[in-house]
N, C-alpha and C. Protein backbone atom coordinates (compact mmCIF):
# COMPACT_ATOMS: atom_id res chain seq x y z
N MET A 1 166.80 62.39 -130.94
CA MET A 1 167.85 62.76 -131.55
C MET A 1 168.97 63.12 -130.27
N PRO A 2 170.22 63.11 -131.01
CA PRO A 2 171.33 63.09 -130.21
C PRO A 2 171.58 64.50 -129.60
N SER A 3 172.00 64.98 -128.49
CA SER A 3 172.02 66.26 -128.19
C SER A 3 173.40 67.04 -128.40
N LYS A 4 173.54 68.38 -128.08
CA LYS A 4 174.67 69.12 -128.39
C LYS A 4 175.66 68.25 -127.57
N GLN A 5 175.72 68.27 -126.41
CA GLN A 5 176.74 67.56 -125.59
C GLN A 5 177.29 65.99 -126.30
N HIS A 6 176.25 65.35 -126.57
CA HIS A 6 176.82 64.36 -127.27
C HIS A 6 177.49 64.27 -128.71
N HIS A 7 177.27 65.31 -129.43
CA HIS A 7 178.07 65.72 -130.70
C HIS A 7 179.37 66.23 -130.05
N ASP A 8 179.13 67.01 -129.37
CA ASP A 8 180.72 67.73 -128.47
C ASP A 8 181.30 66.51 -128.02
N ASN A 9 180.86 65.39 -127.38
CA ASN A 9 181.43 64.36 -126.57
C ASN A 9 182.17 63.42 -127.84
N GLU A 10 181.32 63.27 -128.97
CA GLU A 10 181.86 62.55 -130.15
C GLU A 10 182.87 63.20 -130.75
N MET A 11 182.77 64.73 -131.14
CA MET A 11 183.73 65.46 -131.97
C MET A 11 185.15 65.26 -131.08
N GLN A 12 185.21 65.41 -129.65
CA GLN A 12 186.39 65.18 -128.88
C GLN A 12 186.82 63.80 -129.02
N LEU A 13 186.25 62.65 -128.91
CA LEU A 13 186.65 61.38 -129.10
C LEU A 13 187.42 61.28 -130.54
N GLU A 14 186.79 61.71 -131.57
CA GLU A 14 187.45 61.82 -133.01
C GLU A 14 188.66 62.90 -132.82
N LEU A 15 188.73 63.62 -132.33
CA LEU A 15 189.86 64.51 -132.21
C LEU A 15 191.02 63.76 -131.47
N ASP A 16 190.72 63.36 -130.36
CA ASP A 16 191.81 62.70 -129.78
C ASP A 16 192.30 61.42 -130.34
N ALA A 17 191.35 60.84 -130.97
CA ALA A 17 191.87 59.66 -132.12
C ALA A 17 192.97 60.11 -133.13
N LEU A 18 192.31 61.00 -133.47
CA LEU A 18 193.13 61.97 -134.52
C LEU A 18 194.54 62.27 -134.13
N GLN A 19 194.35 62.88 -132.92
CA GLN A 19 195.77 63.40 -132.69
C GLN A 19 196.82 62.06 -132.05
N GLN A 20 196.34 61.03 -131.57
CA GLN A 20 196.74 60.15 -131.24
C GLN A 20 197.35 59.33 -132.42
N ARG A 21 196.73 59.04 -133.40
CA ARG A 21 197.15 58.94 -134.55
C ARG A 21 198.53 59.72 -135.02
N LEU A 22 198.26 60.88 -135.42
CA LEU A 22 199.35 61.55 -135.93
C LEU A 22 200.51 61.68 -134.83
N ARG A 23 200.46 61.52 -133.64
CA ARG A 23 201.41 61.29 -132.88
C ARG A 23 202.15 60.32 -133.15
N GLN A 24 201.63 59.00 -133.20
CA GLN A 24 202.03 58.01 -133.64
C GLN A 24 203.01 57.75 -134.94
N GLU A 25 202.46 58.42 -135.60
CA GLU A 25 203.08 58.42 -137.06
C GLU A 25 204.30 59.35 -136.92
N TRP A 26 204.08 60.50 -136.26
CA TRP A 26 205.16 61.33 -135.98
C TRP A 26 206.45 60.53 -135.45
N LEU A 27 206.12 60.13 -134.36
CA LEU A 27 206.94 59.25 -133.66
C LEU A 27 207.94 58.14 -134.68
N ASP A 28 206.97 57.26 -135.13
CA ASP A 28 207.36 56.39 -135.98
C ASP A 28 208.14 57.11 -137.11
N GLN A 29 208.26 58.19 -137.52
CA GLN A 29 209.08 58.75 -139.06
C GLN A 29 209.92 59.52 -138.28
N SER A 30 209.79 59.91 -137.02
CA SER A 30 210.78 60.85 -136.44
C SER A 30 212.09 60.39 -135.99
N LEU A 31 212.59 59.07 -135.92
CA LEU A 31 213.57 58.41 -135.37
C LEU A 31 214.25 57.46 -136.30
N PRO A 32 215.17 57.72 -136.92
CA PRO A 32 215.84 56.64 -137.69
C PRO A 32 215.86 55.50 -137.18
N ALA A 33 215.68 54.62 -138.08
CA ALA A 33 215.59 53.19 -137.67
C ALA A 33 216.94 52.51 -136.71
N ASP A 34 218.21 52.98 -137.28
CA ASP A 34 219.51 52.57 -136.32
C ASP A 34 219.71 53.21 -135.24
N TRP A 35 218.85 54.42 -134.90
CA TRP A 35 219.00 55.53 -133.88
C TRP A 35 219.07 54.41 -132.67
N ASP A 36 220.21 54.93 -132.02
CA ASP A 36 220.43 53.96 -130.31
C ASP A 36 220.79 55.23 -129.32
N GLY A 37 220.53 56.54 -129.63
CA GLY A 37 220.95 57.23 -128.53
C GLY A 37 221.79 58.69 -129.14
N LEU A 38 221.91 59.51 -128.29
CA LEU A 38 222.46 60.82 -128.79
C LEU A 38 223.84 60.67 -129.40
N ASP A 39 224.09 61.77 -130.28
CA ASP A 39 225.62 61.58 -130.90
C ASP A 39 226.53 61.55 -129.74
N SER A 40 226.24 62.51 -128.61
CA SER A 40 227.51 62.45 -127.81
C SER A 40 226.88 62.59 -126.31
N TRP A 41 227.95 62.01 -125.49
CA TRP A 41 227.46 61.76 -124.10
C TRP A 41 228.51 62.79 -123.34
N GLN A 42 229.05 63.60 -124.02
CA GLN A 42 230.23 64.63 -123.24
C GLN A 42 229.55 65.28 -122.22
N ARG A 43 230.24 65.38 -121.12
CA ARG A 43 229.63 65.90 -119.69
C ARG A 43 229.39 67.54 -119.93
N LEU A 44 228.46 67.80 -119.29
CA LEU A 44 228.05 69.41 -119.77
C LEU A 44 228.84 70.11 -118.57
N ASP A 45 229.37 71.35 -118.28
CA ASP A 45 229.88 71.82 -117.13
C ASP A 45 228.82 72.82 -116.51
N ARG A 46 227.86 72.14 -115.84
CA ARG A 46 226.82 72.82 -115.50
C ARG A 46 226.70 72.23 -114.12
N PRO A 47 226.11 73.08 -113.01
CA PRO A 47 226.41 72.50 -111.79
C PRO A 47 225.14 71.59 -111.73
N LYS A 48 225.04 70.43 -110.96
CA LYS A 48 224.22 69.15 -110.87
C LYS A 48 223.36 69.35 -109.50
N THR A 49 222.20 68.88 -109.58
CA THR A 49 221.28 68.74 -108.13
C THR A 49 221.05 67.32 -108.24
N ARG A 50 221.18 66.69 -107.16
CA ARG A 50 220.88 65.07 -106.85
C ARG A 50 219.32 65.10 -106.53
N VAL A 51 218.71 64.54 -107.42
CA VAL A 51 217.19 64.24 -107.21
C VAL A 51 216.58 62.90 -107.11
N THR A 52 215.59 62.45 -106.61
CA THR A 52 214.95 61.27 -106.64
C THR A 52 213.78 61.04 -107.45
N ILE A 53 213.76 60.57 -108.51
CA ILE A 53 212.62 60.42 -109.50
C ILE A 53 212.36 58.81 -109.72
N ARG A 54 210.88 58.84 -109.97
CA ARG A 54 210.48 57.54 -110.43
C ARG A 54 210.41 57.25 -111.59
N LEU A 55 210.83 56.35 -112.30
CA LEU A 55 210.81 56.27 -113.96
C LEU A 55 210.29 54.94 -114.60
N ASP A 56 209.62 54.88 -115.46
CA ASP A 56 209.37 53.48 -115.87
C ASP A 56 210.17 52.57 -115.95
N ALA A 57 210.44 51.29 -115.69
CA ALA A 57 211.43 50.41 -115.48
C ALA A 57 211.90 50.28 -117.09
N ASP A 58 210.97 49.90 -117.73
CA ASP A 58 211.47 49.90 -119.35
C ASP A 58 212.44 50.91 -119.68
N MET A 59 211.79 52.18 -119.38
CA MET A 59 212.85 53.39 -119.79
C MET A 59 214.21 53.18 -119.08
N VAL A 60 214.20 52.90 -117.94
CA VAL A 60 215.50 52.79 -117.13
C VAL A 60 216.28 51.85 -117.92
N LYS A 61 215.72 50.89 -118.04
CA LYS A 61 216.40 49.62 -118.78
C LYS A 61 216.98 50.08 -120.34
N TRP A 62 216.21 50.83 -120.95
CA TRP A 62 216.66 51.09 -122.27
C TRP A 62 217.80 52.34 -122.02
N PHE A 63 217.77 53.11 -121.20
CA PHE A 63 218.72 54.10 -121.34
C PHE A 63 219.93 53.31 -120.63
N ARG A 64 220.01 52.40 -119.78
CA ARG A 64 221.05 51.73 -119.25
C ARG A 64 221.97 51.11 -120.46
N LYS A 65 221.02 50.69 -120.94
CA LYS A 65 221.28 49.62 -122.21
C LYS A 65 222.41 50.58 -123.29
N LEU A 66 222.25 51.75 -123.35
CA LEU A 66 222.91 52.62 -124.34
C LEU A 66 224.46 52.87 -123.74
N GLY A 67 224.41 52.58 -122.50
CA GLY A 67 226.03 52.49 -121.88
C GLY A 67 226.08 53.33 -120.50
N PRO A 68 227.21 53.47 -120.09
CA PRO A 68 227.12 54.20 -118.88
C PRO A 68 226.76 55.67 -118.86
N ASN A 69 226.70 56.13 -117.77
CA ASN A 69 226.21 57.49 -117.49
C ASN A 69 224.72 57.90 -118.05
N TYR A 70 223.92 56.94 -117.88
CA TYR A 70 222.57 56.92 -118.39
C TYR A 70 221.87 58.53 -117.92
N SER A 71 222.14 58.70 -116.62
CA SER A 71 221.54 59.87 -116.10
C SER A 71 221.79 61.11 -117.05
N ARG A 72 222.94 61.29 -117.45
CA ARG A 72 223.51 62.30 -118.38
C ARG A 72 222.41 62.51 -119.62
N ARG A 73 222.23 61.25 -120.15
CA ARG A 73 221.53 61.24 -121.67
C ARG A 73 219.99 61.39 -121.08
N ILE A 74 219.45 61.34 -119.76
CA ILE A 74 218.43 61.64 -119.73
C ILE A 74 218.13 63.14 -119.44
N ASN A 75 219.28 63.67 -118.82
CA ASN A 75 219.36 65.23 -118.91
C ASN A 75 219.34 65.78 -120.03
N ALA A 76 220.05 65.00 -120.84
CA ALA A 76 220.19 65.76 -122.27
C ALA A 76 218.89 65.81 -123.08
N ILE A 77 218.12 64.58 -123.09
CA ILE A 77 216.87 64.65 -123.42
C ILE A 77 216.00 65.55 -123.13
N LEU A 78 215.98 65.47 -121.62
CA LEU A 78 215.26 66.86 -120.98
C LEU A 78 215.61 68.10 -121.43
N ARG A 79 216.81 68.57 -121.50
CA ARG A 79 217.39 69.53 -122.19
C ARG A 79 216.75 69.87 -123.72
N ILE A 80 216.91 68.79 -124.40
CA ILE A 80 216.55 69.19 -125.67
C ILE A 80 215.00 69.70 -125.72
N TYR A 81 214.10 68.46 -125.04
CA TYR A 81 212.51 69.05 -124.74
C TYR A 81 212.57 70.57 -124.48
N TRP A 82 213.28 70.75 -123.23
CA TRP A 82 212.78 72.20 -122.68
C TRP A 82 213.25 73.53 -123.93
N LEU A 83 214.54 72.95 -124.60
CA LEU A 83 214.98 74.05 -125.64
C LEU A 83 213.63 74.10 -126.74
N ALA A 84 213.25 73.17 -126.88
CA ALA A 84 212.26 73.01 -128.16
C ALA A 84 210.95 73.34 -127.68
N LEU A 85 210.56 73.63 -126.14
CA LEU A 85 209.52 74.38 -125.79
C LEU A 85 209.66 75.67 -126.14
N LEU A 86 211.16 76.20 -125.53
CA LEU A 86 211.51 77.53 -125.40
C LEU A 86 211.63 78.28 -127.08
N SER A 87 212.04 77.33 -127.96
CA SER A 87 212.02 77.83 -129.15
C SER A 87 210.88 77.98 -130.11
N GLY A 88 209.62 77.33 -129.25
CA GLY A 88 208.36 77.34 -130.17
C GLY A 88 208.65 76.14 -131.10
N HIS A 89 209.34 75.16 -131.08
CA HIS A 89 208.98 74.11 -131.93
C HIS A 89 208.09 72.94 -131.68
N ILE A 90 207.98 72.92 -130.40
CA ILE A 90 206.83 72.05 -129.80
C ILE A 90 206.23 72.67 -128.74
N GLN A 91 204.66 72.13 -128.35
CA GLN A 91 203.77 72.78 -127.50
C GLN A 91 204.09 71.80 -126.35
N ALA A 92 204.00 72.41 -125.28
CA ALA A 92 203.41 71.67 -124.09
C ALA A 92 202.10 70.92 -123.97
N HIS A 93 202.10 70.30 -122.71
CA HIS A 93 200.54 69.57 -122.79
C HIS A 93 199.57 70.90 -122.40
N GLU A 94 198.48 70.68 -122.66
CA GLU A 94 197.33 71.62 -122.46
C GLU A 94 197.35 72.21 -121.13
N GLY A 95 197.41 73.40 -120.72
CA GLY A 95 197.01 74.17 -119.63
C GLY A 95 198.79 74.37 -119.31
N ASP A 96 200.00 74.14 -119.73
CA ASP A 96 201.38 74.58 -119.49
C ASP A 96 201.68 75.18 -120.57
N ASN A 97 201.65 76.89 -120.67
CA ASN A 97 202.20 77.55 -121.70
C ASN A 97 203.80 78.08 -121.04
N THR A 98 204.61 77.37 -121.64
CA THR A 98 205.79 77.62 -120.83
C THR A 98 206.46 78.87 -121.56
N ILE A 99 206.27 79.22 -122.55
CA ILE A 99 206.75 80.65 -123.40
C ILE A 99 205.77 81.55 -122.61
N ALA A 100 204.70 81.83 -122.36
CA ALA A 100 204.09 82.75 -121.61
C ALA A 100 204.50 82.91 -120.13
N ARG A 101 204.87 81.67 -119.46
CA ARG A 101 205.34 81.91 -118.17
C ARG A 101 206.61 82.64 -118.22
N ILE A 102 207.55 82.25 -119.04
CA ILE A 102 208.90 82.84 -119.07
C ILE A 102 208.82 84.56 -119.37
N SER A 103 208.10 84.69 -120.86
CA SER A 103 207.86 85.82 -120.82
C SER A 103 207.67 86.65 -119.80
N LEU A 104 206.42 86.18 -119.01
CA LEU A 104 205.91 87.11 -118.11
C LEU A 104 206.83 87.49 -116.83
N ARG A 105 207.93 86.38 -116.32
CA ARG A 105 208.93 86.38 -115.74
C ARG A 105 209.91 87.52 -116.27
N ALA A 106 210.17 87.24 -117.22
CA ALA A 106 211.55 88.01 -118.06
C ALA A 106 210.82 89.63 -117.98
N HIS A 107 209.64 89.89 -118.23
CA HIS A 107 209.12 91.48 -118.07
C HIS A 107 209.30 91.90 -116.66
N ALA A 108 208.91 90.95 -115.94
CA ALA A 108 208.71 91.25 -114.23
C ALA A 108 210.29 91.65 -113.78
N LEU A 109 211.17 90.69 -114.14
CA LEU A 109 212.73 90.93 -114.06
C LEU A 109 213.24 92.30 -114.69
N ALA A 110 212.78 92.48 -115.76
CA ALA A 110 213.29 93.71 -116.65
C ALA A 110 212.74 95.04 -115.66
N ARG A 111 211.39 95.04 -115.19
CA ARG A 111 210.85 96.08 -114.40
C ARG A 111 211.43 96.23 -113.07
N GLU A 112 212.07 95.13 -112.52
CA GLU A 112 212.79 95.42 -111.15
C GLU A 112 213.96 95.81 -111.52
N LEU A 113 214.60 95.46 -112.89
CA LEU A 113 215.90 96.18 -113.28
C LEU A 113 215.95 97.76 -113.18
N ARG A 114 214.70 98.10 -114.04
CA ARG A 114 214.69 99.48 -114.35
C ARG A 114 214.40 100.14 -113.16
N GLN A 115 213.65 99.53 -112.02
CA GLN A 115 213.39 100.23 -110.90
C GLN A 115 214.56 100.36 -110.10
N GLY A 116 215.32 99.47 -110.09
CA GLY A 116 216.62 99.45 -109.41
C GLY A 116 217.77 100.46 -109.86
N SER A 117 217.77 100.67 -111.24
CA SER A 117 218.35 101.40 -111.71
C SER A 117 217.99 103.02 -111.73
N GLY A 118 216.73 103.29 -111.46
CA GLY A 118 216.23 104.48 -111.18
C GLY A 118 215.45 105.12 -112.36
N GLU A 119 215.32 104.22 -113.47
CA GLU A 119 214.74 105.01 -114.70
C GLU A 119 213.40 104.79 -114.21
């Protein structure tokens, strides 16, 4: 007779497979067939920081094929992802609760401000 651990493992495998299927269906249906990038690549007037990161070659190739200023596109997509996390439209990977971290930091800053103003 299979153990509880066996059933737990089997359930986890089924849930992982379901999540993978749902993710693939969502991705397949979320982008229009003719989508080739964002609507605008206008420069954002925010300070920039030069960094070195390693990206998958196929991703770099795809962004470069969309035209000049591909680093701005990557930045814009990261910003969209970040804003979606903050707004609660998407959830981060397991173990990273962005909203909770930001909320805790905001409360700490509010306490510091109140203490600084003598309240």
